[in-house]
Amino acid sequence: MTPSAPDHFNAIAGQYAASEVHANSPTIRRLHELLASKKLDSVCDVACGPGHLALSFAGKASQIVGMDAAPNMLRQFERLAKERGVSVETVLACAESVPLPANSFDVVVSRLAPHHFSDAAKVVREMARLTKPGGGVAVIDLEGNENSALDDLNHHIEVLHDPSHVRSYPVARWREFFEKNGLAVEALESKQTELPGGLTIQRWCEIGNTPPEARAKIRALLAAAPGEHLTGLGICLEDGEFRIPVRTLIILGRKSRAT
C-alpha cells in the first residue's frame, strides 16, 4: 500500500461503509458458492475496509478477523459487526506485512483492495502464509485488461478517481501471483461486475471523494476515447452521463496440504 493510502481511506471510511458497491455484490455471493465445500471455521479479510466481505461469513465462521492499515476502516468494521451482533477481531497493519502467525486460517480473502497494494505479489505470499495447509486464498479485485490501449485508459481514469490506485491486474498476472506462491488455482472468473447496471461517474466519485477537477478530467478522457475502447471497458453513456461497470475478477487458490 502506498504511504498516503491509510490517510486517504481514513477520510472516506464512512462512504465505504455505506457504499452500494462495497456493501454487497454478485461477486460476494459467487465467492461463497465457490467456497461451499470448504471448511470456513476461521477467516481473515486482508485490507478489509469496513468489513463487508468479512461480515458475509457470519454464521459460517466462528473466527472472523479483519486487517486494515486505516484505523477508521476498522472502526467502521467494528460498528457494522456490533450492529449485526457478530463477534470479530481487528488487526491494524499493512497487507504487505501482517503480524499474525502462519497457518492460522481456513480461508484468507481480500476484496477491492489489491489494486492499492504497492506489491501485490508480496501480499499474495502473505495471504498464503496465513492460510492453513489445504486452505483457500481468494481475491476479488478490479480487473486489468490484456489490451494495452484499454488498460492504459482504464489506469488513467482509476488514478484520477483515486491517486492511491497502483494497478489493476489482468487474469494472467493474478494466475502468476498465485502459482508462484504455491497456490493451486481452483477458479478464475473474469468480467464480473460489482454492481449490475453499473455506476455513474458522479456516484463513483462521490464514494471515492474525488475532487471536482479530477472528475472533469475523467469525463473529458472518456468523451475523447474511441467508442470501441469504451465498449471494451464496458463503459456506456446514458442520459448524458458515463456509467462504469466496476469490472472485477475472482480468483480462488488452494494451499498445498504438504506445506
Protein backbone atom coordinates (compact mmCIF):
# COMPACT_ATOMS: atom_id res chain seq x y z
CA MET A 1 0.00 0.00 0.00
CA THR A 2 1.26 3.48 -0.83
CA PRO A 3 2.34 5.64 2.17
CA SER A 4 -0.55 8.08 1.68
CA ALA A 5 -3.24 5.41 1.34
CA PRO A 6 -4.13 4.99 5.06
CA ASP A 7 -4.83 8.74 5.42
CA HIS A 8 -6.95 8.68 2.28
CA PHE A 9 -9.01 5.73 3.49
CA ASN A 10 -9.36 7.13 6.99
CA ALA A 11 -11.11 10.11 5.40
CA ILE A 12 -13.59 8.07 3.35
CA ALA A 13 -14.27 5.15 5.69
CA GLY A 14 -17.87 6.24 6.20
CA GLN A 15 -18.53 6.38 2.46
CA TYR A 16 -17.16 2.86 2.02
CA ALA A 17 -19.29 1.54 4.87
CA ALA A 18 -22.42 2.90 3.14
CA SER A 19 -21.33 2.29 -0.48
CA GLU A 20 -23.65 0.13 -2.56
CA VAL A 21 -20.60 -1.09 -4.48
CA HIS A 22 -18.77 -2.29 -1.37
CA ALA A 23 -21.68 -3.44 0.81
CA ASN A 24 -22.91 -6.25 -1.41
CA SER A 25 -22.29 -7.61 -4.86
CA PRO A 26 -22.74 -10.65 -7.10
CA THR A 27 -19.06 -11.47 -6.55
CA ILE A 28 -19.51 -11.92 -2.80
CA ARG A 29 -22.33 -14.37 -3.46
CA ARG A 30 -20.28 -16.12 -6.14
CA LEU A 31 -17.29 -16.46 -3.82
CA HIS A 32 -19.46 -18.17 -1.23
CA GLU A 33 -20.64 -20.58 -3.91
CA LEU A 34 -17.03 -21.39 -4.77
CA LEU A 35 -16.20 -21.91 -1.09
CA ALA A 36 -19.28 -24.03 -0.36
CA SER A 37 -17.33 -27.28 0.04
CA LYS A 38 -14.50 -25.78 2.09
CA LYS A 39 -14.01 -25.54 5.82
CA LEU A 40 -14.75 -21.97 6.88
CA ASP A 41 -14.29 -22.00 10.63
CA SER A 42 -11.63 -19.25 10.61
CA VAL A 43 -11.49 -16.40 8.09
CA CYS A 44 -9.11 -13.45 7.68
CA ASP A 45 -10.01 -10.50 5.45
CA VAL A 46 -6.83 -8.68 4.37
CA ALA A 47 -7.27 -4.92 3.81
CA CYS A 48 -10.86 -5.45 4.93
CA GLY A 49 -12.01 -1.83 4.79
CA PRO A 50 -15.35 -1.62 6.63
CA GLY A 51 -15.52 -5.40 6.59
CA HIS A 52 -18.34 -6.15 4.16
CA LEU A 53 -16.70 -9.32 2.85
CA ALA A 54 -15.58 -10.44 6.31
CA LEU A 55 -19.10 -9.99 7.71
CA SER A 56 -20.56 -12.10 4.90
CA PHE A 57 -19.01 -15.10 6.71
CA ALA A 58 -21.12 -14.51 9.83
CA GLY A 59 -22.92 -17.72 10.75
CA LYS A 60 -20.34 -19.78 8.87
CA ALA A 61 -17.07 -18.89 10.60
CA SER A 62 -16.54 -18.87 14.35
CA GLN A 63 -13.47 -16.63 14.00
CA ILE A 64 -13.60 -13.56 11.73
CA VAL A 65 -10.52 -11.35 11.60
CA GLY A 66 -10.31 -8.09 9.67
CA MET A 67 -6.94 -6.49 8.96
CA ASP A 68 -6.50 -2.97 7.59
CA ALA A 69 -3.96 -0.14 7.62
CA ALA A 70 -6.61 2.56 8.17
CA PRO A 71 -7.90 2.81 11.77
CA ASN A 72 -11.18 4.41 10.70
CA MET A 73 -11.93 1.49 8.39
CA LEU A 74 -11.50 -0.89 11.33
CA ARG A 75 -13.81 1.31 13.43
CA GLN A 76 -16.47 1.04 10.73
CA PHE A 77 -15.95 -2.74 10.65
CA GLU A 78 -16.42 -2.95 14.40
CA ARG A 79 -19.52 -0.73 14.22
CA LEU A 80 -21.16 -2.82 11.50
CA ALA A 81 -20.28 -6.04 13.32
CA LYS A 82 -21.81 -4.73 16.57
CA GLU A 83 -24.98 -3.67 14.76
CA ARG A 84 -25.32 -7.21 13.37
CA GLY A 85 -24.36 -8.96 16.58
CA VAL A 86 -21.25 -10.52 15.05
CA SER A 87 -18.07 -11.13 17.03
CA VAL A 88 -14.96 -10.01 15.14
CA GLU A 89 -11.28 -9.32 15.73
CA THR A 90 -9.33 -6.45 14.17
CA VAL A 91 -5.66 -6.01 13.33
CA LEU A 92 -4.08 -2.67 12.36
CA ALA A 93 -1.40 -3.49 9.79
CA CYS A 94 -0.37 -3.17 6.15
CA ALA A 95 -1.23 -6.06 3.87
CA GLU A 96 2.39 -6.50 2.82
CA SER A 97 3.39 -7.46 6.38
CA VAL A 98 0.69 -8.99 8.58
CA PRO A 99 1.68 -9.56 12.25
CA LEU A 100 -0.17 -12.86 12.57
CA PRO A 101 1.17 -16.43 12.78
CA ALA A 102 1.50 -18.68 9.75
CA ASN A 103 -1.06 -21.42 9.11
CA SER A 104 -3.76 -19.64 11.14
CA PHE A 105 -6.87 -19.53 8.92
CA ASP A 106 -9.02 -21.83 6.84
CA VAL A 107 -9.63 -19.06 4.30
CA VAL A 108 -7.85 -15.75 3.67
CA VAL A 109 -9.61 -13.23 1.43
CA SER A 110 -9.22 -9.72 0.03
CA ARG A 111 -11.77 -7.71 -1.95
CA LEU A 112 -11.49 -4.41 -3.83
CA ALA A 113 -8.17 -3.67 -2.18
CA PRO A 114 -5.26 -5.30 -4.05
CA HIS A 115 -5.18 -2.59 -6.73
CA HIS A 116 -3.92 -0.32 -3.92
CA PHE A 117 -1.06 -2.64 -2.91
CA SER A 118 2.47 -1.49 -3.70
CA ASP A 119 3.48 -5.15 -4.15
CA ALA A 120 0.50 -7.38 -4.91
CA ALA A 121 2.66 -10.49 -5.32
CA LYS A 122 4.09 -9.98 -1.83
CA VAL A 123 0.58 -9.65 -0.38
CA VAL A 124 -0.46 -12.93 -2.02
CA ARG A 125 2.61 -14.50 -0.41
CA GLU A 126 1.47 -13.15 2.98
CA MET A 127 -2.06 -14.42 2.39
CA ALA A 128 -0.70 -17.87 1.55
CA ARG A 129 1.49 -17.82 4.65
CA LEU A 130 -1.52 -17.07 6.88
CA THR A 131 -3.55 -19.90 5.37
CA LYS A 132 -3.63 -23.38 6.86
CA PRO A 133 -2.36 -26.25 4.68
CA GLY A 134 -5.23 -27.26 2.40
CA GLY A 135 -6.98 -23.93 2.99
CA GLY A 136 -8.13 -21.34 0.48
CA VAL A 137 -6.93 -17.92 -0.64
CA ALA A 138 -9.38 -15.73 -2.57
CA VAL A 139 -9.17 -12.31 -4.20
CA ILE A 140 -11.89 -10.19 -5.75
CA ASP A 141 -10.42 -7.11 -7.39
CA LEU A 142 -10.63 -4.67 -10.25
CA GLU A 143 -9.65 -6.40 -13.48
CA GLY A 144 -6.94 -5.05 -15.75
CA ASN A 145 -7.01 -5.54 -19.49
CA GLU A 146 -4.65 -7.51 -21.71
CA ASN A 147 -5.12 -4.87 -24.42
CA SER A 148 -2.55 -2.19 -23.58
CA ALA A 149 -4.60 0.71 -25.01
CA LEU A 150 -7.65 -0.26 -22.95
CA ASP A 151 -5.53 -0.92 -19.89
CA ASP A 152 -3.83 2.48 -20.16
CA LEU A 153 -7.16 4.30 -20.43
CA ASN A 154 -8.58 2.36 -17.51
CA HIS A 155 -5.47 3.03 -15.41
CA HIS A 156 -5.58 6.76 -16.19
CA ILE A 157 -9.18 7.17 -15.04
CA GLU A 158 -8.58 4.99 -11.96
CA VAL A 159 -5.66 7.15 -10.82
CA LEU A 160 -7.70 10.31 -11.38
CA HIS A 161 -10.51 8.78 -9.37
CA ASP A 162 -8.18 7.69 -6.57
CA PRO A 163 -4.47 8.64 -6.55
CA SER A 164 -3.72 5.71 -4.20
CA HIS A 165 -4.57 3.32 -7.03
CA VAL A 166 -1.47 1.34 -8.06
CA ARG A 167 -2.60 -1.13 -10.74
CA SER A 168 -5.50 -3.32 -11.81
CA TYR A 169 -4.01 -6.62 -12.94
CA PRO A 170 -5.32 -8.84 -15.75
CA VAL A 171 -6.19 -12.51 -15.35
CA ALA A 172 -2.77 -13.80 -16.42
CA ARG A 173 -0.94 -11.78 -13.76
CA TRP A 174 -3.24 -12.98 -11.00
CA ARG A 175 -2.68 -16.58 -12.01
CA GLU A 176 1.06 -15.89 -11.92
CA PHE A 177 0.85 -14.30 -8.44
CA PHE A 178 -0.99 -17.33 -7.08
CA GLU A 179 1.01 -20.08 -8.73
CA LYS A 180 4.38 -18.53 -7.86
CA ASN A 181 3.31 -18.54 -4.22
CA GLY A 182 2.38 -22.20 -4.16
CA LEU A 183 -1.37 -21.81 -4.62
CA ALA A 184 -3.18 -24.16 -6.99
CA VAL A 185 -5.78 -22.09 -8.87
CA GLU A 186 -9.20 -23.72 -8.49
CA ALA A 187 -11.29 -20.91 -10.01
CA LEU A 188 -10.51 -17.80 -12.03
CA GLU A 189 -13.52 -15.88 -13.33
CA SER A 190 -13.16 -12.62 -15.23
CA LYS A 191 -15.50 -9.86 -16.42
CA GLN A 192 -17.52 -9.85 -13.21
CA THR A 193 -19.27 -6.70 -12.00
CA GLU A 194 -19.72 -5.30 -8.52
CA LEU A 195 -22.97 -3.54 -9.38
CA PRO A 196 -25.35 -4.79 -12.08
CA GLY A 197 -26.22 -1.89 -14.33
CA GLY A 198 -23.07 -0.04 -13.44
CA LEU A 199 -22.40 3.18 -11.59
CA THR A 200 -22.44 6.78 -12.78
CA ILE A 201 -19.18 8.69 -12.75
CA GLN A 202 -20.84 11.12 -10.35
CA ARG A 203 -21.66 8.42 -7.80
CA TRP A 204 -18.33 6.63 -8.29
CA CYS A 205 -16.50 9.86 -7.49
CA GLU A 206 -18.72 10.63 -4.51
CA ILE A 207 -17.78 7.30 -2.91
CA GLY A 208 -14.07 7.94 -3.51
CA ASN A 209 -14.18 11.64 -2.55
CA THR A 210 -12.69 12.54 -5.94
CA PRO A 211 -12.16 16.32 -6.30
CA PRO A 212 -14.17 18.22 -8.96
CA GLU A 213 -11.18 18.90 -11.22
CA ALA A 214 -10.34 15.18 -11.37
CA ARG A 215 -13.98 14.34 -12.11
CA ALA A 216 -13.90 16.77 -15.03
CA LYS A 217 -10.72 15.17 -16.37
CA ILE A 218 -12.28 11.69 -16.16
CA ARG A 219 -15.31 12.82 -18.15
CA ALA A 220 -13.11 14.57 -20.72
CA LEU A 221 -10.94 11.46 -21.16
CA LEU A 222 -13.98 9.28 -21.68
CA ALA A 223 -15.60 11.76 -24.07
CA ALA A 224 -12.45 11.77 -26.20
CA ALA A 225 -11.91 7.99 -26.12
CA PRO A 226 -12.72 5.86 -29.18
CA GLY A 227 -16.08 4.16 -28.90
CA GLU A 228 -14.51 0.73 -29.18
CA HIS A 229 -12.32 1.48 -26.14
CA LEU A 230 -15.36 2.39 -24.06
CA THR A 231 -17.15 -0.74 -25.25
CA GLY A 232 -14.10 -2.82 -24.41
CA LEU A 233 -14.13 -1.47 -20.85
CA GLY A 234 -17.89 -1.87 -20.51
CA ILE A 235 -18.37 1.90 -20.15
CA CYS A 236 -21.50 3.44 -21.65
CA LEU A 237 -23.06 6.88 -22.00
CA GLU A 238 -26.60 7.05 -20.62
CA ASP A 239 -28.71 10.21 -20.26
CA GLY A 240 -25.61 12.36 -20.71
CA GLU A 241 -23.55 10.61 -18.00
CA PHE A 242 -20.97 7.89 -18.30
CA ARG A 243 -21.57 4.67 -16.38
CA ILE A 244 -18.80 2.27 -15.40
CA PRO A 245 -19.31 -1.44 -14.65
CA VAL A 246 -16.78 -1.70 -11.77
CA ARG A 247 -15.43 -4.74 -13.60
CA THR A 248 -13.72 -7.32 -11.42
CA LEU A 249 -12.32 -10.82 -11.36
CA ILE A 250 -12.43 -13.60 -8.78
CA ILE A 251 -9.54 -15.95 -8.15
CA LEU A 252 -9.54 -18.81 -5.68
CA GLY A 253 -6.45 -20.84 -4.86
CA ARG A 254 -5.71 -23.77 -2.59
CA LYS A 255 -2.62 -24.11 -0.42
CA SER A 256 -0.96 -27.50 -0.56
CA ARG A 257 -1.64 -29.80 2.39
CA ALA A 258 2.03 -30.71 2.35
CA THR A 259 3.16 -27.15 3.11
